[in-house]
PDB file of all heavy atoms in Angstrom:
ATOM      1  N   SER A   1       4.718  14.598  -2.386  1.00  0.00           N
ATOM      2  CA  SER A   1       4.219  13.258  -2.106  1.00  0.00           C
ATOM      3  C   SER A   1       5.175  12.507  -1.178  1.00  0.00           C
ATOM      4  O   SER A   1       4.744  11.819  -0.246  1.00  0.00           O
ATOM      5  CB  SER A   1       4.023  12.489  -3.408  1.00  0.00           C
ATOM      6  OG  SER A   1       3.412  11.235  -3.185  1.00  0.00           O
ATOM      7  N   SER A   2       6.478  12.651  -1.410  1.00  0.00           N
ATOM      8  CA  SER A   2       7.476  11.980  -0.580  1.00  0.00           C
ATOM      9  C   SER A   2       7.455  12.491   0.853  1.00  0.00           C
ATOM     10  O   SER A   2       7.800  11.760   1.789  1.00  0.00           O
ATOM     11  CB  SER A   2       8.872  12.167  -1.173  1.00  0.00           C
ATOM     12  OG  SER A   2       8.965  11.561  -2.444  1.00  0.00           O
ATOM     13  N   ALA A   3       7.023  13.751   1.033  1.00  0.00           N
ATOM     14  CA  ALA A   3       6.958  14.341   2.370  1.00  0.00           C
ATOM     15  C   ALA A   3       5.724  13.870   3.137  1.00  0.00           C
ATOM     16  O   ALA A   3       5.621  14.134   4.343  1.00  0.00           O
ATOM     17  CB  ALA A   3       6.975  15.857   2.270  1.00  0.00           C
ATOM     18  N   GLY A   4       4.784  13.194   2.471  1.00  0.00           N
ATOM     19  CA  GLY A   4       3.647  12.618   3.179  1.00  0.00           C
ATOM     20  C   GLY A   4       2.271  12.901   2.615  1.00  0.00           C
ATOM     21  O   GLY A   4       1.312  12.196   2.937  1.00  0.00           O
ATOM     22  N   PHE A   5       2.150  13.951   1.797  1.00  0.00           N
ATOM     23  CA  PHE A   5       0.848  14.237   1.177  1.00  0.00           C
ATOM     24  C   PHE A   5       0.834  13.452  -0.133  1.00  0.00           C
ATOM     25  O   PHE A   5       1.227  13.945  -1.182  1.00  0.00           O
ATOM     26  CB  PHE A   5       0.695  15.735   0.942  1.00  0.00           C
ATOM     27  CG  PHE A   5      -0.728  16.204   0.731  1.00  0.00           C
ATOM     28  CD1 PHE A   5      -1.814  15.437   1.101  1.00  0.00           C
ATOM     29  CD2 PHE A   5      -0.980  17.456   0.165  1.00  0.00           C
ATOM     30  CE1 PHE A   5      -3.111  15.880   0.917  1.00  0.00           C
ATOM     31  CE2 PHE A   5      -2.269  17.917  -0.023  1.00  0.00           C
ATOM     32  CZ  PHE A   5      -3.338  17.118   0.357  1.00  0.00           C
ATOM     33  N   LYS A   6       0.374  12.211  -0.035  1.00  0.00           N
ATOM     34  CA  LYS A   6       0.571  11.239  -1.098  1.00  0.00           C
ATOM     35  C   LYS A   6      -0.376  11.423  -2.280  1.00  0.00           C
ATOM     36  O   LYS A   6      -1.555  11.721  -2.101  1.00  0.00           O
ATOM     37  CB  LYS A   6       0.362   9.822  -0.547  1.00  0.00           C
ATOM     38  CG  LYS A   6       1.292   9.433   0.591  1.00  0.00           C
ATOM     39  CD  LYS A   6       2.716   9.244   0.116  1.00  0.00           C
ATOM     40  CE  LYS A   6       3.595   8.684   1.220  1.00  0.00           C
ATOM     41  NZ  LYS A   6       5.007   8.536   0.779  1.00  0.00           N
ATOM     42  N   VAL A   7       0.156  11.208  -3.461  1.00  0.00           N
ATOM     43  CA  VAL A   7      -0.679  11.156  -4.660  1.00  0.00           C
ATOM     44  C   VAL A   7      -1.391   9.808  -4.667  1.00  0.00           C
ATOM     45  O   VAL A   7      -0.747   8.752  -4.677  1.00  0.00           O
ATOM     46  CB  VAL A   7       0.162  11.306  -5.937  1.00  0.00           C
ATOM     47  CG1 VAL A   7      -0.732  11.206  -7.168  1.00  0.00           C
ATOM     48  CG2 VAL A   7       0.924  12.620  -5.939  1.00  0.00           C
ATOM     49  N   VAL A   8      -2.713   9.831  -4.653  1.00  0.00           N
ATOM     50  CA  VAL A   8      -3.488   8.580  -4.665  1.00  0.00           C
ATOM     51  C   VAL A   8      -4.462   8.527  -5.833  1.00  0.00           C
ATOM     52  O   VAL A   8      -5.244   7.581  -5.953  1.00  0.00           O
ATOM     53  CB  VAL A   8      -4.248   8.376  -3.334  1.00  0.00           C
ATOM     54  CG1 VAL A   8      -3.269   8.264  -2.175  1.00  0.00           C
ATOM     55  CG2 VAL A   8      -5.256   9.488  -3.097  1.00  0.00           C
ATOM     56  N   GLY A   9      -4.418   9.534  -6.699  1.00  0.00           N
ATOM     57  CA  GLY A   9      -5.287   9.541  -7.867  1.00  0.00           C
ATOM     58  C   GLY A   9      -4.628  10.263  -9.027  1.00  0.00           C
ATOM     59  O   GLY A   9      -4.124  11.375  -8.853  1.00  0.00           O
ATOM     60  N   ARG A  10      -4.600   9.622 -10.181  1.00  0.00           N
ATOM     61  CA  ARG A  10      -4.001  10.218 -11.383  1.00  0.00           C
ATOM     62  C   ARG A  10      -4.941  10.035 -12.563  1.00  0.00           C
ATOM     63  O   ARG A  10      -5.716   9.073 -12.606  1.00  0.00           O
ATOM     64  CB  ARG A  10      -2.643   9.582 -11.703  1.00  0.00           C
ATOM     65  CG  ARG A  10      -1.569   9.811 -10.632  1.00  0.00           C
ATOM     66  CD  ARG A  10      -0.251   9.170 -11.036  1.00  0.00           C
ATOM     67  NE  ARG A  10       0.788   9.317 -10.038  1.00  0.00           N
ATOM     68  CZ  ARG A  10       1.610  10.349  -9.955  1.00  0.00           C
ATOM     69  NH1 ARG A  10       1.533  11.329 -10.843  1.00  0.00           N
ATOM     70  NH2 ARG A  10       2.536  10.412  -9.015  1.00  0.00           N
ATOM     71  N   ASP A  11      -4.842  10.959 -13.521  1.00  0.00           N
ATOM     72  CA  ASP A  11      -5.658  10.820 -14.727  1.00  0.00           C
ATOM     73  C   ASP A  11      -4.935   9.939 -15.743  1.00  0.00           C
ATOM     74  O   ASP A  11      -3.874   9.366 -15.450  1.00  0.00           O
ATOM     75  CB  ASP A  11      -6.031  12.186 -15.297  1.00  0.00           C
ATOM     76  CG  ASP A  11      -4.839  12.969 -15.842  1.00  0.00           C
ATOM     77  OD1 ASP A  11      -3.741  12.380 -16.019  1.00  0.00           O
ATOM     78  OD2 ASP A  11      -4.994  14.180 -16.097  1.00  0.00           O
ATOM     79  N   ALA A  12      -5.504   9.827 -16.932  1.00  0.00           N
ATOM     80  CA  ALA A  12      -4.954   8.927 -17.947  1.00  0.00           C
ATOM     81  C   ALA A  12      -3.548   9.319 -18.376  1.00  0.00           C
ATOM     82  O   ALA A  12      -2.780   8.475 -18.848  1.00  0.00           O
ATOM     83  CB  ALA A  12      -5.886   8.889 -19.155  1.00  0.00           C
ATOM     84  N   ASP A  13      -3.194  10.599 -18.203  1.00  0.00           N
ATOM     85  CA  ASP A  13      -1.862  11.066 -18.574  1.00  0.00           C
ATOM     86  C   ASP A  13      -0.878  10.975 -17.418  1.00  0.00           C
ATOM     87  O   ASP A  13       0.275  11.388 -17.548  1.00  0.00           O
ATOM     88  CB  ASP A  13      -1.931  12.515 -19.060  1.00  0.00           C
ATOM     89  CG  ASP A  13      -2.765  12.653 -20.333  1.00  0.00           C
ATOM     90  OD1 ASP A  13      -2.681  11.740 -21.184  1.00  0.00           O
ATOM     91  OD2 ASP A  13      -3.489  13.654 -20.462  1.00  0.00           O
ATOM     92  N   GLY A  14      -1.355  10.467 -16.271  1.00  0.00           N
ATOM     93  CA  GLY A  14      -0.484  10.346 -15.114  1.00  0.00           C
ATOM     94  C   GLY A  14      -0.407  11.590 -14.258  1.00  0.00           C
ATOM     95  O   GLY A  14       0.378  11.647 -13.304  1.00  0.00           O
ATOM     96  N   ALA A  15      -1.214  12.605 -14.576  1.00  0.00           N
ATOM     97  CA  ALA A  15      -1.191  13.855 -13.814  1.00  0.00           C
ATOM     98  C   ALA A  15      -1.862  13.671 -12.457  1.00  0.00           C
ATOM     99  O   ALA A  15      -2.878  12.980 -12.328  1.00  0.00           O
ATOM    100  CB  ALA A  15      -1.882  14.964 -14.598  1.00  0.00           C
ATOM    101  N   CYS A  16      -1.302  14.325 -11.450  1.00  0.00           N
ATOM    102  CA  CYS A  16      -1.810  14.249 -10.079  1.00  0.00           C
ATOM    103  C   CYS A  16      -3.188  14.895  -9.970  1.00  0.00           C
ATOM    104  O   CYS A  16      -3.374  16.051 -10.342  1.00  0.00           O
ATOM    105  CB  CYS A  16      -0.808  14.958  -9.165  1.00  0.00           C
ATOM    106  SG  CYS A  16      -1.386  15.232  -7.507  1.00  0.00           S
ATOM    107  N   ARG A  17      -4.158  14.136  -9.439  1.00  0.00           N
ATOM    108  CA  ARG A  17      -5.526  14.654  -9.326  1.00  0.00           C
ATOM    109  C   ARG A  17      -6.130  14.475  -7.932  1.00  0.00           C
ATOM    110  O   ARG A  17      -7.090  15.159  -7.596  1.00  0.00           O
ATOM    111  CB  ARG A  17      -6.429  13.963 -10.357  1.00  0.00           C
ATOM    112  CG  ARG A  17      -6.045  14.257 -11.804  1.00  0.00           C
ATOM    113  CD  ARG A  17      -6.180  15.724 -12.128  1.00  0.00           C
ATOM    114  NE  ARG A  17      -5.862  16.078 -13.498  1.00  0.00           N
ATOM    115  CZ  ARG A  17      -4.857  16.865 -13.862  1.00  0.00           C
ATOM    116  NH1 ARG A  17      -4.040  17.369 -12.937  1.00  0.00           N
ATOM    117  NH2 ARG A  17      -4.658  17.176 -15.131  1.00  0.00           N
ATOM    118  N   VAL A  18      -5.572  13.566  -7.113  1.00  0.00           N
ATOM    119  CA  VAL A  18      -6.045  13.351  -5.743  1.00  0.00           C
ATOM    120  C   VAL A  18      -4.843  13.124  -4.842  1.00  0.00           C
ATOM    121  O   VAL A  18      -3.928  12.382  -5.194  1.00  0.00           O
ATOM    122  CB  VAL A  18      -6.975  12.122  -5.626  1.00  0.00           C
ATOM    123  CG1 VAL A  18      -7.610  12.057  -4.230  1.00  0.00           C
ATOM    124  CG2 VAL A  18      -8.048  12.122  -6.701  1.00  0.00           C
ATOM    125  N   MET A  19      -4.867  13.760  -3.653  1.00  0.00           N
ATOM    126  CA  MET A  19      -3.801  13.560  -2.669  1.00  0.00           C
ATOM    127  C   MET A  19      -4.437  13.386  -1.294  1.00  0.00           C
ATOM    128  O   MET A  19      -5.516  13.914  -1.032  1.00  0.00           O
ATOM    129  CB  MET A  19      -2.819  14.732  -2.679  1.00  0.00           C
ATOM    130  CG  MET A  19      -2.143  14.948  -4.013  1.00  0.00           C
ATOM    131  SD  MET A  19      -1.028  16.390  -4.070  1.00  0.00           S
ATOM    132  CE  MET A  19       0.434  15.698  -3.282  1.00  0.00           C
ATOM    133  N   GLU A  20      -3.744  12.652  -0.408  1.00  0.00           N
ATOM    134  CA  GLU A  20      -4.267  12.466   0.940  1.00  0.00           C
ATOM    135  C   GLU A  20      -3.125  12.185   1.918  1.00  0.00           C
ATOM    136  O   GLU A  20      -2.040  11.754   1.528  1.00  0.00           O
ATOM    137  CB  GLU A  20      -5.281  11.328   0.977  1.00  0.00           C
ATOM    138  CG  GLU A  20      -4.708   9.958   0.723  1.00  0.00           C
ATOM    139  CD  GLU A  20      -5.744   8.822   0.823  1.00  0.00           C
ATOM    140  OE1 GLU A  20      -6.864   8.973   0.275  1.00  0.00           O
ATOM    141  OE2 GLU A  20      -5.418   7.781   1.432  1.00  0.00           O
ATOM    142  N   LEU A  21      -3.401  12.437   3.197  1.00  0.00           N
ATOM    143  CA  LEU A  21      -2.506  12.055   4.284  1.00  0.00           C
ATOM    144  C   LEU A  21      -3.009  10.733   4.846  1.00  0.00           C
ATOM    145  O   LEU A  21      -4.116  10.665   5.393  1.00  0.00           O
ATOM    146  CB  LEU A  21      -2.508  13.114   5.388  1.00  0.00           C
ATOM    147  CG  LEU A  21      -1.777  14.425   5.129  1.00  0.00           C
ATOM    148  CD1 LEU A  21      -1.911  15.336   6.346  1.00  0.00           C
ATOM    149  CD2 LEU A  21      -0.303  14.185   4.831  1.00  0.00           C
ATOM    150  N   SER A  22      -2.211   9.698   4.744  1.00  0.00           N
ATOM    151  CA  SER A  22      -2.675   8.375   5.146  1.00  0.00           C
ATOM    152  C   SER A  22      -2.864   8.253   6.656  1.00  0.00           C
ATOM    153  O   SER A  22      -3.739   7.515   7.121  1.00  0.00           O
ATOM    154  CB  SER A  22      -1.692   7.309   4.660  1.00  0.00           C
ATOM    155  OG  SER A  22      -0.396   7.545   5.207  1.00  0.00           O
ATOM    156  N   HIS A  23      -2.071   8.979   7.447  1.00  0.00           N
ATOM    157  CA  HIS A  23      -2.138   8.834   8.905  1.00  0.00           C
ATOM    158  C   HIS A  23      -3.192   9.741   9.539  1.00  0.00           C
ATOM    159  O   HIS A  23      -3.437   9.662  10.737  1.00  0.00           O
ATOM    160  CB  HIS A  23      -0.774   9.154   9.525  1.00  0.00           C
ATOM    161  CG  HIS A  23      -0.344  10.574   9.299  1.00  0.00           C
ATOM    162  ND1 HIS A  23       0.330  10.974   8.161  1.00  0.00           N
ATOM    163  CD2 HIS A  23      -0.499  11.687  10.064  1.00  0.00           C
ATOM    164  CE1 HIS A  23       0.576  12.271   8.240  1.00  0.00           C
ATOM    165  NE2 HIS A  23       0.083  12.725   9.376  1.00  0.00           N
ATOM    166  N   HIS A  24      -3.783  10.602   8.766  1.00  0.00           N
ATOM    167  CA  HIS A  24      -4.773  11.560   9.266  1.00  0.00           C
ATOM    168  C   HIS A  24      -6.163  10.929   9.267  1.00  0.00           C
ATOM    169  O   HIS A  24      -6.456  10.004   8.508  1.00  0.00           O
ATOM    170  CB  HIS A  24      -4.773  12.791   8.355  1.00  0.00           C
ATOM    171  CG  HIS A  24      -5.420  14.011   8.915  1.00  0.00           C
ATOM    172  ND1 HIS A  24      -6.785  14.188   8.938  1.00  0.00           N
ATOM    173  CD2 HIS A  24      -4.886  15.126   9.475  1.00  0.00           C
ATOM    174  CE1 HIS A  24      -7.057  15.372   9.476  1.00  0.00           C
ATOM    175  NE2 HIS A  24      -5.927  15.955   9.812  1.00  0.00           N
ATOM    176  N   ARG A  25      -7.039  11.426  10.165  1.00  0.00           N
ATOM    177  CA  ARG A  25      -8.426  10.928  10.211  1.00  0.00           C
ATOM    178  C   ARG A  25      -9.060  11.018   8.827  1.00  0.00           C
ATOM    179  O   ARG A  25      -9.647  10.064   8.338  1.00  0.00           O
ATOM    180  CB  ARG A  25      -9.233  11.749  11.220  1.00  0.00           C
ATOM    181  CG  ARG A  25     -10.721  11.441  11.219  1.00  0.00           C
ATOM    182  CD  ARG A  25     -11.422  12.155  12.348  1.00  0.00           C
ATOM    183  NE  ARG A  25     -11.051  11.581  13.631  1.00  0.00           N
ATOM    184  CZ  ARG A  25     -10.340  12.220  14.568  1.00  0.00           C
ATOM    185  NH1 ARG A  25      -9.923  13.458  14.365  1.00  0.00           N
ATOM    186  NH2 ARG A  25     -10.038  11.623  15.696  1.00  0.00           N
ATOM    187  N   PHE A  26      -8.969  12.156   8.198  1.00  0.00           N
ATOM    188  CA  PHE A  26      -9.457  12.357   6.838  1.00  0.00           C
ATOM    189  C   PHE A  26      -8.897  13.688   6.362  1.00  0.00           C
ATOM    190  O   PHE A  26      -9.301  14.753   6.831  1.00  0.00           O
ATOM    191  CB  PHE A  26     -10.987  12.386   6.793  1.00  0.00           C
ATOM    192  CG  PHE A  26     -11.553  12.273   5.392  1.00  0.00           C
ATOM    193  CD1 PHE A  26     -12.011  11.053   4.905  1.00  0.00           C
ATOM    194  CD2 PHE A  26     -11.631  13.385   4.560  1.00  0.00           C
ATOM    195  CE1 PHE A  26     -12.528  10.938   3.617  1.00  0.00           C
ATOM    196  CE2 PHE A  26     -12.152  13.283   3.275  1.00  0.00           C
ATOM    197  CZ  PHE A  26     -12.603  12.055   2.798  1.00  0.00           C
ATOM    198  N   PHE A  27      -7.942  13.627   5.460  1.00  0.00           N
ATOM    199  CA  PHE A  27      -7.309  14.828   4.913  1.00  0.00           C
ATOM    200  C   PHE A  27      -7.092  14.546   3.438  1.00  0.00           C
ATOM    201  O   PHE A  27      -6.052  14.038   3.024  1.00  0.00           O
ATOM    202  CB  PHE A  27      -5.993  15.117   5.631  1.00  0.00           C
ATOM    203  CG  PHE A  27      -5.429  16.494   5.385  1.00  0.00           C
ATOM    204  CD1 PHE A  27      -5.808  17.571   6.176  1.00  0.00           C
ATOM    205  CD2 PHE A  27      -4.496  16.712   4.383  1.00  0.00           C
ATOM    206  CE1 PHE A  27      -5.270  18.841   5.977  1.00  0.00           C
ATOM    207  CE2 PHE A  27      -3.951  17.981   4.172  1.00  0.00           C
ATOM    208  CZ  PHE A  27      -4.340  19.043   4.974  1.00  0.00           C
ATOM    209  N   VAL A  28      -8.123  14.849   2.636  1.00  0.00           N
ATOM    210  CA  VAL A  28      -8.149  14.472   1.221  1.00  0.00           C
ATOM    211  C   VAL A  28      -8.397  15.705   0.360  1.00  0.00           C
ATOM    212  O   VAL A  28      -9.269  16.525   0.664  1.00  0.00           O
ATOM    213  CB  VAL A  28      -9.255  13.426   0.957  1.00  0.00           C
ATOM    214  CG1 VAL A  28      -9.349  13.106  -0.533  1.00  0.00           C
ATOM    215  CG2 VAL A  28      -8.997  12.159   1.762  1.00  0.00           C
ATOM    216  N   GLY A  29      -7.613  15.818  -0.703  1.00  0.00           N
ATOM    217  CA  GLY A  29      -7.798  16.915  -1.644  1.00  0.00           C
ATOM    218  C   GLY A  29      -7.982  16.381  -3.054  1.00  0.00           C
ATOM    219  O   GLY A  29      -7.281  15.462  -3.474  1.00  0.00           O
ATOM    220  N   THR A  30      -8.952  16.953  -3.777  1.00  0.00           N
ATOM    221  CA  THR A  30      -9.208  16.531  -5.157  1.00  0.00           C
ATOM    222  C   THR A  30      -9.212  17.747  -6.075  1.00  0.00           C
ATOM    223  O   THR A  30      -9.785  18.781  -5.733  1.00  0.00           O
ATOM    224  CB  THR A  30     -10.563  15.815  -5.292  1.00  0.00           C
ATOM    225  OG1 THR A  30     -11.630  16.759  -5.124  1.00  0.00           O
ATOM    226  CG2 THR A  30     -10.710  14.718  -4.247  1.00  0.00           C
ATOM    227  N   LEU A  31      -8.583  17.611  -7.235  1.00  0.00           N
ATOM    228  CA  LEU A  31      -8.633  18.707  -8.197  1.00  0.00           C
ATOM    229  C   LEU A  31     -10.020  18.796  -8.833  1.00  0.00           C
ATOM    230  O   LEU A  31     -10.469  19.874  -9.209  1.00  0.00           O
ATOM    231  CB  LEU A  31      -7.567  18.523  -9.279  1.00  0.00           C
ATOM    232  CG  LEU A  31      -7.342  19.744 -10.180  1.00  0.00           C
ATOM    233  CD1 LEU A  31      -6.846  20.937  -9.381  1.00  0.00           C
ATOM    234  CD2 LEU A  31      -6.364  19.423 -11.305  1.00  0.00           C
ATOM    235  N   PHE A  32     -10.693  17.681  -8.924  1.00  0.00           N
ATOM    236  CA  PHE A  32     -12.051  17.679  -9.450  1.00  0.00           C
ATOM    237  C   PHE A  32     -13.044  18.125  -8.370  1.00  0.00           C
ATOM    238  O   PHE A  32     -12.688  18.335  -7.209  1.00  0.00           O
ATOM    239  CB  PHE A  32     -12.420  16.298 -10.005  1.00  0.00           C
ATOM    240  CG  PHE A  32     -12.246  15.163  -9.044  1.00  0.00           C
ATOM    241  CD1 PHE A  32     -13.206  14.877  -8.084  1.00  0.00           C
ATOM    242  CD2 PHE A  32     -11.102  14.365  -9.100  1.00  0.00           C
ATOM    243  CE1 PHE A  32     -13.051  13.819  -7.205  1.00  0.00           C
ATOM    244  CE2 PHE A  32     -10.933  13.297  -8.217  1.00  0.00           C
ATOM    245  CZ  PHE A  32     -11.914  13.028  -7.269  1.00  0.00           C
ATOM    246  N   VAL A  33     -14.295  18.264  -8.759  1.00  0.00           N
ATOM    247  CA  VAL A  33     -15.350  18.735  -7.860  1.00  0.00           C
ATOM    248  C   VAL A  33     -16.361  17.598  -7.669  1.00  0.00           C
ATOM    249  O   VAL A  33     -17.334  17.484  -8.417  1.00  0.00           O
ATOM    250  CB  VAL A  33     -16.034  19.995  -8.439  1.00  0.00           C
ATOM    251  CG1 VAL A  33     -17.096  20.517  -7.497  1.00  0.00           C
ATOM    252  CG2 VAL A  33     -15.005  21.074  -8.718  1.00  0.00           C
ATOM    253  N   PRO A  34     -16.160  16.742  -6.661  1.00  0.00           N
ATOM    254  CA  PRO A  34     -17.049  15.586  -6.489  1.00  0.00           C
ATOM    255  C   PRO A  34     -18.498  15.968  -6.234  1.00  0.00           C
ATOM    256  O   PRO A  34     -19.412  15.240  -6.628  1.00  0.00           O
ATOM    257  CB  PRO A  34     -16.442  14.860  -5.279  1.00  0.00           C
ATOM    258  CG  PRO A  34     -15.646  15.901  -4.557  1.00  0.00           C
ATOM    259  CD  PRO A  34     -15.123  16.799  -5.622  1.00  0.00           C
ATOM    260  N   GLN A  35     -18.703  17.139  -5.599  1.00  0.00           N
ATOM    261  CA  GLN A  35     -20.069  17.547  -5.272  1.00  0.00           C
ATOM    262  C   GLN A  35     -20.933  17.733  -6.524  1.00  0.00           C
ATOM    263  O   GLN A  35     -22.167  17.658  -6.453  1.00  0.00           O
ATOM    264  CB  GLN A  35     -20.081  18.820  -4.421  1.00  0.00           C
ATOM    265  CG  GLN A  35     -19.331  20.014  -4.991  1.00  0.00           C
ATOM    266  CD  GLN A  35     -17.908  20.128  -4.522  1.00  0.00           C
ATOM    267  OE1 GLN A  35     -17.159  19.163  -4.589  1.00  0.00           O
ATOM    268  NE2 GLN A  35     -17.522  21.309  -4.051  1.00  0.00           N
ATOM    269  N   ALA A  36     -20.293  17.936  -7.663  1.00  0.00           N
ATOM    270  CA  ALA A  36     -21.047  18.145  -8.896  1.00  0.00           C
ATOM    271  C   ALA A  36     -21.780  16.886  -9.345  1.00  0.00           C
ATOM    272  O   ALA A  36     -22.746  16.965 -10.110  1.00  0.00           O
ATOM    273  CB  ALA A  36     -20.113  18.612 -10.013  1.00  0.00           C
ATOM    274  N   ARG A  37     -21.335  15.724  -8.870  1.00  0.00           N
ATOM    275  CA  ARG A  37     -21.955  14.466  -9.294  1.00  0.00           C
ATOM    276  C   ARG A  37     -22.828  13.844  -8.206  1.00  0.00           C
ATOM    277  O   ARG A  37     -23.331  12.731  -8.373  1.00  0.00           O
ATOM    278  CB  ARG A  37     -20.869  13.478  -9.729  1.00  0.00           C
ATOM    279  CG  ARG A  37     -20.158  13.919 -11.006  1.00  0.00           C
ATOM    280  CD  ARG A  37     -19.015  12.988 -11.363  1.00  0.00           C
ATOM    281  NE  ARG A  37     -19.464  11.647 -11.676  1.00  0.00           N
ATOM    282  CZ  ARG A  37     -19.883  11.248 -12.871  1.00  0.00           C
ATOM    283  NH1 ARG A  37     -19.928  12.110 -13.876  1.00  0.00           N
ATOM    284  NH2 ARG A  37     -20.251  10.006 -13.091  1.00  0.00           N
ATOM    285  N   SER A  38     -23.031  14.558  -7.113  1.00  0.00           N
ATOM    286  CA  SER A  38     -23.886  14.053  -6.040  1.00  0.00           C
ATOM    287  C   SER A  38     -25.353  14.244  -6.402  1.00  0.00           C
ATOM    288  O   SER A  38     -25.733  15.251  -7.000  1.00  0.00           O
ATOM    289  CB  SER A  38     -23.579  14.794  -4.734  1.00  0.00           C
ATOM    290  OG  SER A  38     -24.387  14.320  -3.683  1.00  0.00           O
ATOM    291  N   ARG A  39     -26.179  13.272  -6.035  1.00  0.00           N
ATOM    292  CA  ARG A  39     -27.614  13.338  -6.288  1.00  0.00           C
ATOM    293  C   ARG A  39     -28.358  12.871  -5.029  1.00  0.00           C
ATOM    294  O   ARG A  39     -27.811  12.116  -4.223  1.00  0.00           O
ATOM    295  CB  ARG A  39     -28.001  12.435  -7.469  1.00  0.00           C
ATOM    296  CG  ARG A  39     -27.342  12.818  -8.784  1.00  0.00           C
ATOM    297  CD  ARG A  39     -27.852  14.148  -9.306  1.00  0.00           C
ATOM    298  NE  ARG A  39     -27.258  14.502 -10.595  1.00  0.00           N
ATOM    299  CZ  ARG A  39     -26.145  15.224 -10.723  1.00  0.00           C
ATOM    300  NH1 ARG A  39     -25.494  15.643  -9.638  1.00  0.00           N
ATOM    301  NH2 ARG A  39     -25.676  15.517 -11.909  1.00  0.00           N
TER     302      ARG A  39
END
């Protein structure tokens, strides 16, 4: 995270669940599967 791939999402226990590069057009990673909730 300190190197730039920032933690921007944590669960109730504080565990890392979402990371992103703030300076990038869109560079986002999620441990969850967002597509599962799309309708």
